[in-house]
Amino acid sequence: MKKRVVITGLGVVAPNGVGLDEFTNAIKNGISGIKHDTKLERLQFSCQIAGTPSVSPELALQYFTELELRNFNSSGILYGVIAGIEAWKNAGLPMENNENPDWESGTIFGTGTSGIDKFRESIYKIDDLQTRRLGSTAVAQTMNSGVSAYLGGKLGLGNQVTTNSSACTTGTEAILMAFERIKTGKAKRMLAGSTSDSGPYIWGGFDAMKVCTFKHNQDPEAGSRPLSATASGFVPGSGAGALVLEDLESALARGATIYGEILGGSCNSGGQRGTGTMTAPNAIAVQKCIVDALEDAKVAANDIDLINGHLTATSKDSLEIENWTKALNRKGNDFPLINSLKGMVGHCLSAAGSIESVATVLQLHEGFVFPNLNCADLHPEITDLIDEEKIPRTKLEKNMQYAIKASFGFGDVNACIVFKKYE
């Protein structure tokens, strides 16, 4: 018998809010976390603005010991541990140092490139014949599974503890992987999420590809413009999002707050065939991913109230809207409401899917739709397909039942989740 899977904990480290309360307030009020970045200016990046979470040393010490933070400079692991532990505590779960691990709980926590600043430091020290000065945590900070390993140790997780990596699709994929593990009875609860390092060594490649905007260095908050006719590329961002997934029986037994339910989803690839390339989506695969997610969730396209899109503020936004209209067979005034968080936080890369999933669940749970920023000038190819009022520019109070979240990543990979309000 398949288990029902619900969400009992949320945690987030985002450019516009560190911690669930601050983040919820930010998205409700359209508060941007995009700022000028002096490092990017000094290094002569074309794009000199970014979305970087603000984590103080005092906050870091609430999650790591002073010894752990010595020679520690992996921002992605820092963000991921903070978001993950916040979600765990938010779910009302204990942090105990028991003799045996918690066999029924695990984590799938994704990342892109981990510990790149530590890699840079290591390269220089090795070249300068100072290998022994790297410190004892160099491996843990630079291995891709570092974030899940830290979380597994801090929480004493005894089920599957692993890290996935699928570019911008990573976070959404991690949630689906954790969902499947609980649904099939292999775990009682899973901490699912993803994280992304910040800084020039992560963002430099994108700047070199000229996919980041360079037109708003003097006006950072106007830089990320999903759905806009004047969109000129994405703003790089970073952070982490985390969700505790749990089987419904367990959640009810311990009286947990239930934020929502996951009904199903789909992951696929366009195989870089047809219109698909390393950087461009195969439209047929995107549409199939959405259709398959609905079929897996046993939800009709007409029942979807809200779409949280990938929508990066590039030339592909119009194509994404076209794919949604075809997959759902809904357009014009019949189209669901749609929004993009990237107008507030930029593109958080491997953390995008998890941060945006937290935002999607909050909207269903609290009955609101957060505003789309910087798109007063909607792209005409988009308004030819859907009515303007389907892209809210101010917060809406709205009770909704079903929301769908999708991420489309480099390598022509796709993931889509169907969430339901729990009642």
Protein backbone atom coordinates (compact mmCIF):
# COMPACT_ATOMS: atom_id res chain seq x y z
CA MET A 1 0.00 0.00 0.00
CA LYS A 2 1.37 3.41 -1.02
CA LYS A 3 1.87 5.92 1.78
CA ARG A 4 0.49 9.45 1.65
CA VAL A 5 3.31 11.98 1.95
CA VAL A 6 2.87 15.30 3.75
CA ILE A 7 5.13 18.26 4.54
CA THR A 8 5.66 18.84 8.26
CA GLY A 9 8.67 21.17 8.34
CA LEU A 10 10.08 24.08 6.33
CA GLY A 11 13.43 25.87 6.45
CA VAL A 12 15.02 28.48 4.23
CA VAL A 13 18.11 30.60 3.73
CA ALA A 14 17.32 33.02 0.93
CA PRO A 15 18.71 36.33 -0.32
CA ASN A 16 15.58 38.13 0.91
CA GLY A 17 15.14 36.27 4.18
CA VAL A 18 17.10 33.91 6.42
CA GLY A 19 14.63 31.85 8.42
CA LEU A 20 11.02 31.01 7.69
CA ASP A 21 9.41 34.07 9.31
CA GLU A 22 11.66 36.59 7.58
CA PHE A 23 11.31 34.82 4.22
CA THR A 24 7.50 34.59 4.48
CA ASN A 25 7.26 38.30 5.24
CA ALA A 26 9.57 39.10 2.30
CA ILE A 27 7.65 37.14 -0.32
CA LYS A 28 4.29 38.41 0.90
CA ASN A 29 5.48 42.00 0.60
CA GLY A 30 7.57 41.71 -2.55
CA ILE A 31 10.87 42.44 -0.78
CA SER A 32 13.92 41.94 -2.98
CA GLY A 33 17.19 40.46 -1.75
CA ILE A 34 19.23 41.51 -4.77
CA LYS A 35 22.06 43.94 -4.04
CA HIS A 36 25.23 45.37 -5.53
CA ASP A 37 28.20 43.01 -5.02
CA THR A 38 31.56 44.73 -4.49
CA LYS A 39 33.49 41.53 -5.25
CA LEU A 40 31.87 41.22 -8.67
CA GLU A 41 32.63 44.90 -9.38
CA ARG A 42 36.27 44.51 -8.34
CA LEU A 43 36.62 41.44 -10.55
CA GLN A 44 35.08 43.36 -13.48
CA PHE A 45 32.09 41.08 -13.96
CA SER A 46 29.54 42.28 -16.48
CA CYS A 47 26.83 41.54 -13.90
CA GLN A 48 27.75 43.22 -10.61
CA ILE A 49 24.56 42.45 -8.67
CA ALA A 50 23.59 39.24 -6.89
CA GLY A 51 21.26 37.63 -4.38
CA THR A 52 23.37 36.52 -1.41
CA PRO A 53 21.85 35.48 1.95
CA SER A 54 23.03 37.43 4.98
CA VAL A 55 24.31 34.96 7.58
CA SER A 56 26.03 36.54 10.58
CA PRO A 57 28.83 34.80 12.52
CA GLU A 58 26.48 34.75 15.51
CA LEU A 59 23.85 32.86 13.53
CA ALA A 60 26.43 30.39 12.19
CA LEU A 61 27.44 29.60 15.79
CA GLN A 62 23.89 28.45 16.50
CA TYR A 63 24.40 25.59 14.04
CA PHE A 64 28.18 24.89 14.18
CA THR A 65 30.72 24.82 16.99
CA GLU A 66 33.67 27.22 17.01
CA LEU A 67 35.92 24.28 16.21
CA GLU A 68 33.79 23.30 13.21
CA LEU A 69 33.90 26.88 11.90
CA ARG A 70 37.69 27.05 12.09
CA ASN A 71 39.01 27.14 8.49
CA PHE A 72 35.39 26.73 7.32
CA ASN A 73 34.42 28.64 4.17
CA SER A 74 31.87 26.50 2.35
CA SER A 75 28.88 28.82 2.07
CA GLY A 76 26.70 26.13 0.48
CA ILE A 77 27.14 23.74 3.41
CA LEU A 78 26.52 26.62 5.85
CA TYR A 79 23.26 27.56 4.10
CA GLY A 80 22.14 23.94 3.77
CA VAL A 81 22.75 23.05 7.41
CA ILE A 82 20.92 26.15 8.65
CA ALA A 83 17.91 25.53 6.37
CA GLY A 84 17.87 21.80 7.08
CA ILE A 85 18.01 22.09 10.86
CA GLU A 86 15.41 24.87 10.81
CA ALA A 87 13.06 22.57 8.87
CA TRP A 88 13.75 19.72 11.30
CA LYS A 89 12.99 21.89 14.34
CA ASN A 90 10.01 23.46 12.56
CA ALA A 91 8.63 19.93 12.17
CA GLY A 92 8.83 19.52 15.95
CA LEU A 93 11.46 16.79 15.69
CA PRO A 94 14.10 16.39 18.41
CA MET A 95 17.87 16.70 18.02
CA GLU A 96 19.18 14.00 20.31
CA ASN A 97 22.61 12.43 20.67
CA ASN A 98 21.37 8.86 21.00
CA GLU A 99 23.54 5.74 20.86
CA ASN A 100 21.82 4.52 17.68
CA PRO A 101 20.89 6.57 14.62
CA ASP A 102 17.29 7.23 13.64
CA TRP A 103 16.78 4.36 11.19
CA GLU A 104 13.45 5.73 9.95
CA SER A 105 14.75 9.18 8.95
CA GLY A 106 17.16 10.24 6.24
CA THR A 107 18.04 13.11 3.91
CA ILE A 108 18.38 13.77 0.22
CA PHE A 109 19.98 17.21 0.04
CA GLY A 110 21.30 18.37 -3.31
CA THR A 111 23.96 20.78 -4.45
CA GLY A 112 25.75 21.92 -7.57
CA THR A 113 29.40 22.73 -6.90
CA SER A 114 30.32 22.35 -3.24
CA GLY A 115 33.01 24.20 -1.34
CA ILE A 116 34.51 26.01 -4.31
CA ASP A 117 36.22 28.61 -2.10
CA LYS A 118 37.80 25.77 -0.15
CA PHE A 119 38.96 24.22 -3.43
CA ARG A 120 40.61 27.51 -4.39
CA GLU A 121 42.33 27.76 -1.00
CA SER A 122 43.47 24.14 -1.28
CA ILE A 123 44.96 24.62 -4.73
CA TYR A 124 47.05 27.60 -3.58
CA LYS A 125 48.24 25.85 -0.42
CA ILE A 126 49.19 22.70 -2.29
CA ASP A 127 51.05 24.70 -4.92
CA ASP A 128 52.88 26.52 -2.12
CA LEU A 129 53.85 23.18 -0.52
CA GLN A 130 51.54 23.78 2.46
CA THR A 131 49.37 20.68 2.13
CA ARG A 132 49.39 19.99 5.87
CA ARG A 133 47.85 23.41 6.53
CA LEU A 134 44.63 22.54 4.68
CA GLY A 135 42.90 21.51 7.89
CA SER A 136 40.97 18.41 8.82
CA THR A 137 37.67 19.50 7.24
CA ALA A 138 38.94 20.15 3.70
CA VAL A 139 37.49 16.88 2.40
CA ALA A 140 34.12 17.28 4.14
CA GLN A 141 33.78 20.83 2.79
CA THR A 142 34.64 19.96 -0.81
CA MET A 143 33.00 16.58 -1.38
CA ASN A 144 29.68 16.94 -3.17
CA SER A 145 27.92 15.02 -0.41
CA GLY A 146 29.32 17.31 2.28
CA VAL A 147 25.99 19.00 2.98
CA SER A 148 24.07 15.74 3.46
CA ALA A 149 26.95 14.31 5.53
CA TYR A 150 26.91 17.30 7.90
CA LEU A 151 23.12 17.11 8.23
CA GLY A 152 23.20 13.35 8.71
CA GLY A 153 25.67 13.73 11.57
CA LYS A 154 24.00 16.64 13.29
CA LEU A 155 20.58 14.96 13.18
CA GLY A 156 21.72 11.35 13.66
CA LEU A 157 19.98 10.12 10.51
CA GLY A 158 20.11 6.37 9.90
CA ASN A 159 18.14 6.01 6.67
CA GLN A 160 19.43 7.07 3.25
CA VAL A 161 21.80 10.05 3.48
CA THR A 162 22.86 11.33 0.08
CA THR A 163 23.32 14.31 -2.24
CA ASN A 164 21.88 14.64 -5.73
CA SER A 165 23.03 17.07 -8.41
CA SER A 166 21.08 18.04 -11.53
CA ALA A 167 21.88 21.72 -12.16
CA CYS A 168 18.89 24.05 -11.66
CA THR A 169 16.57 21.03 -11.27
CA THR A 170 18.45 19.72 -8.21
CA GLY A 171 16.12 20.92 -5.45
CA THR A 172 12.88 19.85 -7.12
CA GLU A 173 14.43 16.48 -7.97
CA ALA A 174 15.60 15.97 -4.35
CA ILE A 175 12.05 16.50 -3.07
CA LEU A 176 10.68 13.99 -5.56
CA MET A 177 13.35 11.43 -4.67
CA ALA A 178 12.52 11.78 -0.97
CA PHE A 179 8.79 11.60 -1.74
CA GLU A 180 9.25 8.30 -3.56
CA ARG A 181 11.24 6.83 -0.66
CA ILE A 182 8.45 7.58 1.82
CA LYS A 183 5.63 6.63 -0.54
CA THR A 184 7.10 3.15 -0.98
CA GLY A 185 7.60 2.68 2.75
CA LYS A 186 11.42 2.75 2.74
CA ALA A 187 11.52 5.68 5.16
CA LYS A 188 9.13 7.31 7.60
CA ARG A 189 10.46 10.81 7.07
CA MET A 190 13.06 12.50 4.86
CA LEU A 191 14.71 15.90 5.00
CA ALA A 192 14.69 17.05 1.37
CA GLY A 193 16.26 20.17 -0.10
CA SER A 194 19.20 21.71 -1.85
CA THR A 195 21.83 24.38 -1.48
CA SER A 196 24.14 26.51 -3.61
CA ASP A 197 27.45 28.21 -2.84
CA SER A 198 27.69 31.94 -3.44
CA GLY A 199 30.42 34.09 -4.90
CA PRO A 200 32.39 34.82 -8.05
CA TYR A 201 33.84 31.32 -8.47
CA ILE A 202 30.31 29.93 -8.80
CA TRP A 203 28.90 32.76 -10.90
CA GLY A 204 31.87 33.52 -13.14
CA GLY A 205 31.06 30.88 -15.75
CA PHE A 206 27.54 32.24 -16.21
CA ASP A 207 28.89 35.77 -16.55
CA ALA A 208 31.30 34.52 -19.21
CA MET A 209 28.37 32.90 -21.07
CA LYS A 210 26.62 36.30 -21.08
CA VAL A 211 23.41 34.85 -19.64
CA CYS A 212 23.43 37.29 -16.68
CA THR A 213 22.08 40.81 -16.91
CA PHE A 214 24.54 43.70 -17.08
CA LYS A 215 22.00 46.54 -17.42
CA HIS A 216 21.08 47.11 -13.79
CA ASN A 217 24.33 47.42 -11.88
CA GLN A 218 23.20 50.80 -10.55
CA ASP A 219 19.66 49.63 -9.75
CA PRO A 220 19.99 46.09 -8.34
CA GLU A 221 16.39 45.51 -7.29
CA ALA A 222 15.21 46.13 -10.87
CA GLY A 223 17.68 43.62 -12.33
CA SER A 224 15.77 40.33 -12.16
CA ARG A 225 12.85 40.67 -14.57
CA PRO A 226 11.02 37.38 -15.21
CA LEU A 227 8.19 37.59 -17.79
CA SER A 228 9.27 41.12 -18.75
CA ALA A 229 9.80 42.53 -22.23
CA THR A 230 13.00 44.18 -20.92
CA ALA A 231 14.40 41.02 -19.29
CA SER A 232 18.11 40.90 -20.13
CA GLY A 233 19.40 37.81 -18.33
CA PHE A 234 19.26 36.31 -14.88
CA VAL A 235 20.72 37.67 -11.66
CA PRO A 236 22.89 35.07 -9.87
CA GLY A 237 21.76 34.03 -6.42
CA SER A 238 22.39 31.44 -3.72
CA GLY A 239 20.94 29.95 -0.56
CA ALA A 240 19.14 26.79 0.53
CA GLY A 241 15.64 25.45 1.02
CA ALA A 242 14.54 22.44 3.06
CA LEU A 243 11.33 20.47 3.61
CA VAL A 244 10.63 17.65 6.04
CA LEU A 245 8.52 15.04 4.24
CA GLU A 246 6.72 12.47 6.35
CA ASP A 247 4.17 9.73 5.90
CA LEU A 248 0.72 10.94 6.92
CA GLU A 249 0.24 8.27 9.57
CA SER A 250 3.43 9.30 11.37
CA ALA A 251 2.59 13.02 11.13
CA LEU A 252 -0.89 12.51 12.58
CA ALA A 253 0.39 10.23 15.35
CA ARG A 254 2.72 12.88 16.71
CA GLY A 255 0.32 15.80 16.15
CA ALA A 256 2.59 17.59 13.67
CA THR A 257 1.64 20.75 11.80
CA ILE A 258 0.97 19.74 8.20
CA TYR A 259 1.86 22.41 5.64
CA GLY A 260 0.68 20.51 2.61
CA GLU A 261 0.71 17.22 0.75
CA ILE A 262 2.74 16.00 -2.22
CA LEU A 263 0.53 14.10 -4.64
CA GLY A 264 3.10 13.19 -7.29
CA GLY A 265 5.54 14.44 -9.85
CA SER A 266 7.91 13.61 -12.66
CA CYS A 267 11.56 13.92 -13.68
CA ASN A 268 12.75 13.56 -17.25
CA SER A 269 15.28 14.74 -19.82
CA GLY A 270 14.98 16.04 -23.35
CA GLY A 271 18.15 14.13 -24.21
CA GLN A 272 19.52 17.28 -25.90
CA ARG A 273 17.55 16.20 -28.98
CA GLY A 274 15.26 18.31 -31.10
CA THR A 275 15.33 21.84 -29.71
CA GLY A 276 17.16 20.63 -26.59
CA THR A 277 20.81 21.47 -25.97
CA MET A 278 23.08 21.74 -22.94
CA THR A 279 21.53 25.15 -22.21
CA ALA A 280 18.17 25.11 -24.03
CA PRO A 281 15.12 22.98 -23.19
CA ASN A 282 13.54 20.40 -25.45
CA ALA A 283 9.99 21.77 -25.42
CA ILE A 284 8.43 18.36 -25.99
CA ALA A 285 10.23 16.97 -22.92
CA VAL A 286 9.16 19.94 -20.78
CA GLN A 287 5.53 19.45 -21.76
CA LYS A 288 5.77 15.70 -21.17
CA CYS A 289 7.25 16.28 -17.69
CA ILE A 290 4.27 18.47 -16.73
CA VAL A 291 1.71 16.05 -18.19
CA ASP A 292 3.34 13.06 -16.53
CA ALA A 293 3.47 14.87 -13.16
CA LEU A 294 -0.27 15.51 -13.30
CA GLU A 295 -0.93 11.90 -14.30
CA ASP A 296 1.23 10.62 -11.45
CA ALA A 297 -0.60 12.90 -9.00
CA LYS A 298 -3.98 11.95 -10.44
CA VAL A 299 -4.90 15.63 -10.76
CA ALA A 300 -6.64 17.18 -13.75
CA ALA A 301 -4.96 20.11 -15.48
CA ASN A 302 -8.12 22.19 -14.96
CA ASP A 303 -7.79 21.81 -11.19
CA ILE A 304 -4.42 23.58 -10.94
CA ASP A 305 -4.83 26.93 -9.18
CA LEU A 306 -1.24 28.15 -9.19
CA ILE A 307 1.97 27.57 -11.13
CA ASN A 308 5.32 28.47 -9.62
CA GLY A 309 7.44 28.54 -12.74
CA HIS A 310 11.15 28.26 -13.42
CA LEU A 311 11.05 31.63 -15.28
CA THR A 312 14.61 32.94 -15.05
CA ALA A 313 14.30 36.36 -16.79
CA THR A 314 15.93 35.16 -20.00
CA SER A 315 14.68 34.79 -23.54
CA LYS A 316 13.26 31.37 -22.61
CA ASP A 317 10.45 32.77 -20.41
CA SER A 318 8.06 33.08 -23.36
CA LEU A 319 8.82 29.51 -24.40
CA GLU A 320 8.14 28.29 -20.86
CA ILE A 321 4.71 29.96 -20.87
CA GLU A 322 3.97 28.38 -24.26
CA ASN A 323 4.96 24.98 -22.86
CA TRP A 324 2.64 25.43 -19.87
CA THR A 325 -0.30 26.39 -22.12
CA LYS A 326 0.24 23.32 -24.29
CA ALA A 327 0.82 20.88 -21.42
CA LEU A 328 -2.24 22.08 -19.49
CA ASN A 329 -4.30 22.87 -22.58
CA ARG A 330 -5.22 26.13 -20.87
CA LYS A 331 -4.57 29.69 -22.04
CA GLY A 332 -6.00 33.20 -21.99
CA ASN A 333 -8.37 33.73 -19.06
CA ASP A 334 -8.50 29.98 -18.41
CA PHE A 335 -4.81 29.82 -17.47
CA PRO A 336 -3.90 29.38 -13.76
CA LEU A 337 -2.20 32.10 -11.77
CA ILE A 338 1.58 32.01 -12.25
CA ASN A 339 4.52 33.57 -10.44
CA SER A 340 8.30 33.51 -10.32
CA LEU A 341 10.31 33.99 -7.14
CA LYS A 342 13.40 34.96 -9.15
CA GLY A 343 12.27 38.57 -9.37
CA MET A 344 13.00 38.81 -5.62
CA VAL A 345 16.00 36.51 -5.14
CA GLY A 346 17.58 35.98 -8.55
CA HIS A 347 18.39 32.53 -9.84
CA CYS A 348 19.66 30.49 -6.89
CA LEU A 349 20.93 27.74 -9.24
CA SER A 350 21.02 24.34 -7.50
CA ALA A 351 19.08 25.83 -4.56
CA ALA A 352 16.35 27.35 -6.74
CA GLY A 353 13.96 24.40 -6.79
CA SER A 354 13.95 23.89 -3.03
CA ILE A 355 13.68 27.58 -2.07
CA GLU A 356 10.89 28.04 -4.60
CA SER A 357 9.14 24.88 -3.35
CA VAL A 358 9.14 26.32 0.18
CA ALA A 359 7.54 29.47 -1.25
CA THR A 360 4.96 27.39 -3.14
CA VAL A 361 3.97 25.40 -0.05
CA LEU A 362 3.67 28.59 2.02
CA GLN A 363 1.28 30.06 -0.54
CA LEU A 364 -1.00 27.02 -0.43
CA HIS A 365 -0.85 26.74 3.36
CA GLU A 366 -1.49 30.42 4.14
CA GLY A 367 -3.74 31.25 1.18
CA PHE A 368 -1.87 33.95 -0.72
CA VAL A 369 -0.11 34.47 -4.03
CA PHE A 370 3.13 36.42 -3.85
CA PRO A 371 3.64 39.22 -6.41
CA ASN A 372 5.80 39.06 -9.51
CA LEU A 373 8.38 41.86 -9.41
CA ASN A 374 9.73 43.95 -12.28
CA CYS A 375 7.25 42.88 -14.95
CA ALA A 376 5.01 45.90 -15.46
CA ASP A 377 6.11 45.57 -19.10
CA LEU A 378 5.02 41.98 -19.75
CA HIS A 379 6.54 40.37 -22.83
CA PRO A 380 4.03 40.56 -25.72
CA GLU A 381 4.66 36.91 -26.64
CA ILE A 382 3.43 36.03 -23.15
CA THR A 383 0.34 38.24 -23.16
CA ASP A 384 -0.57 36.75 -26.55
CA LEU A 385 -0.92 33.43 -24.72
CA ILE A 386 -2.32 34.28 -21.27
CA ASP A 387 -4.25 37.16 -19.75
CA GLU A 388 -2.29 39.77 -17.81
CA GLU A 389 -4.26 39.25 -14.61
CA LYS A 390 -2.90 35.70 -14.45
CA ILE A 391 0.48 37.27 -13.61
CA PRO A 392 -0.23 39.14 -10.35
CA ARG A 393 1.92 42.21 -9.68
CA THR A 394 0.55 42.65 -6.15
CA LYS A 395 -0.11 40.08 -3.43
CA LEU A 396 -3.41 38.23 -3.70
CA GLU A 397 -5.30 36.64 -0.84
CA LYS A 398 -6.63 33.42 -2.30
CA ASN A 399 -7.62 30.00 -0.99
CA MET A 400 -6.17 27.37 -3.34
CA GLN A 401 -6.18 23.58 -3.49
CA TYR A 402 -3.50 22.61 -6.02
CA ALA A 403 -0.18 24.16 -7.01
CA ILE A 404 2.42 22.87 -9.42
CA LYS A 405 6.15 23.65 -9.24
CA ALA A 406 8.63 23.00 -12.03
CA SER A 407 12.35 23.42 -12.59
CA PHE A 408 14.21 23.14 -15.89
CA GLY A 409 17.99 22.79 -15.76
CA PHE A 410 21.22 22.85 -17.73
CA GLY A 411 21.71 19.53 -19.47
CA ASP A 412 18.07 19.58 -20.68
CA VAL A 413 16.71 18.06 -17.45
CA ASN A 414 13.27 18.70 -15.96
CA ALA A 415 11.35 18.09 -12.74
CA CYS A 416 7.80 18.90 -11.72
CA ILE A 417 5.87 18.44 -8.44
CA VAL A 418 2.15 18.68 -7.67
CA PHE A 419 1.38 20.03 -4.19
CA LYS A 420 -2.04 20.01 -2.48
CA LYS A 421 -3.35 22.06 0.42
CA TYR A 422 -3.86 19.74 3.39
CA GLU A 423 -7.29 19.96 5.02
